[in-house]
Amino acid sequence: MKRLAGAEVFLSGVMCAAVLAACSRTTATYVHNQRKDTLIIVQQHEPMSLNPALENGNVSMELGLLLFQYLVKFNDRGRLIGDAAITVPTLANGGISRDGLTVTYYLRPHLRFSDGVPLTARDCVYSVNVINDPHNNVQSRYGYDDIARAEAPNDRTLVLHLRRPFAPLLTLVFAPQGFPIFPQHVLAKYPNFNSIPFDEQPVGSGPYRVTQWLRGDQLRLERNPYYGSGEAKIPYITIRFAADSSTAVNELRTGEADMLYNDQSPSDFELLGRMPTIITTSTPVSGVGSIIFNTQDPLTSDPRVRRALSMAIDIRSLIAKTYRGAFPSSTAGRGLFIWAYDPRVYTDVPYDPAGANRLLDQTGWRRGPDGIRHKIVVDTNGRRSDSFLDLLFIIQSNTPGDAIIGNQVAAYERTVGANVTLKQFEVTQFVAPVNLGGPVYGGKFQMALYPFTNGDDPDTTDQFACKNVPPNGYNKSRICDPRIDILLAQGRTTFDPAKRKAIYTQLQRILRTEMPLMLMYQMRQINAYTNQLHGQTTSLSGAFWNTTNWSLAY
């Protein structure tokens, strides 16, 4: 389990912090004086490609915001705002037709790519087509494949004709959750963009452009003089790639780096907060930490059992001890449903072991002499057997926080008569698809510790629709409920925010009762940066949504 190793690493990190504190100020001053015009960012994940369509997750959004433009993006108040587009299309401003089948964007004037070539609506049309081109190995076409046709009646007008009304389109197509605007004049000559010079030296229209990519080391950027919203104040950005979290934290402490972007180890939060010249932020994003139940397994198919297992866990205490304040455990449902979240309906799970015991008694699970519950269970083939409440709980290996949670959950469940066995998987194996034997997508568990991002729209089709049960999607709990499918379809096909919120409130009520997963916390992006960096804020779209406002005071 490596619990002791994880604890030792953390304690040694604290001791190192004390030792290095005396010398860090001198080192930081020397390093910073050599590079007053360069912001140095350290992060753990190096991209495989600088083409955002060939990347996934936070790295894709980071590249998109630094090197490209979207039509829309989120600001730091959670509002969707115009980027290359003047405004966000709505029913009220006429950007969305009454039947929901036509969406119109109006582009800002004088947009250019980083090579000086004008960016027009024709580039947007090309970008839709190039994403939908099956020859390109894009990570997902969700949203783009609902576009029947894109057209540009003039240089500054883009019209999308949809196959059906699809409300999540606004946050998926030409938004950071999807893909940015690509340059037709650069890419159109290639049969595909899977392995071309553009993937290492892209031409975008964002605030920065690439000058050099030293694989395994760093990515160097300079400000784009053609950026349509004005030149960035900081001339250069260098993104350095660190092998692990402790290396990244050390570089920030010694002044070798100005910013640690999206720290992958929440346990660093407390340590970073004690550095006197470092500002640490923990910004809520659209994702959750969760324990997923396999709703198709005989042991966890009864929602009363899933609720009882959830009530047996003191979530608030568990998350506080594990993540040391980085992830608050209250209102976790906001990470799934963001602006449509209803805290009155999708309430946090209370710690109630007595209630958990009553529920398990009601379902026929009786305690044996050893305290473990058992009952007659009928499997999917109709076979009856006397089964014990022995649950397989799968987690990722080499992740100290997951090991802590796994062991604590096993102890909590034991008090209500459930025996939990932990099994660890290396991350690549843990999330592997069904055909490669992945335990999560293969359904080889009763419980799985699985944090995930949902996206920037409250549509949760990927997580809960019958059609998305693996291997056909990301419905890892395998829940299949006609009521849920009906509500998901209604939520996707109306653009009216009030109507959508009412629909998702009904959905949250069902999910809270059926408990396909137990939410523990809303994900947060953890950033830390020198107090000499001004103007930085983080949005749902990430830390780089407003880099033109950043400045260095060295």
Foldseek 3Di string as FASTA:
>chain_A
DCLVVVVVVLVVLLVVLVVCLVPQVVLQVVLCVVCQQEAEEEEADDFPWLALQAGADLVSLVSCQAQAAFQWEADAVLDIAGTQFHGQDAVVVVQADPQQFKGKTFGDPQFAKLVRHHQFLVLLQVVLVQSPPPVEPGPDCVLSVQFPHWDDPDRGMIMTGGPARFQCNSCARRYSNHHHGADCVPPVVDPHVHDDVCRQFNIHQHQWGWDDDDPPFKTKIAGRCSRPVHHAQRGIYIYTHDNAQSVSVVCCSNNVHFKYWQHPALLCQVVLVPRPQKDKDWAFAQWFWWKFFQCQWQLNVFLLLLLLLQLLDQLQVLCCVLRVPSFGQFPQCCSQAPPLDDCVQLPARHNDNVSSLVSCVVVPFDQDPVLATWDWTQHPVRDTDIDTLEWEEEEEPPRNSRVSSQVRSQVSVSVSRHHYDYDYDHPCLCPPACVSPHCQLVVVGRIYGDMDGQGSHNQNCQQADQCNRPPRGNVSSNHHDVLLNVLSVVLGRDNDVVVNSVSVSVVSNVCSSSVSMRTSGRHIRMMMGGNQKPDFDAHNSGGSNPSSRIRGND
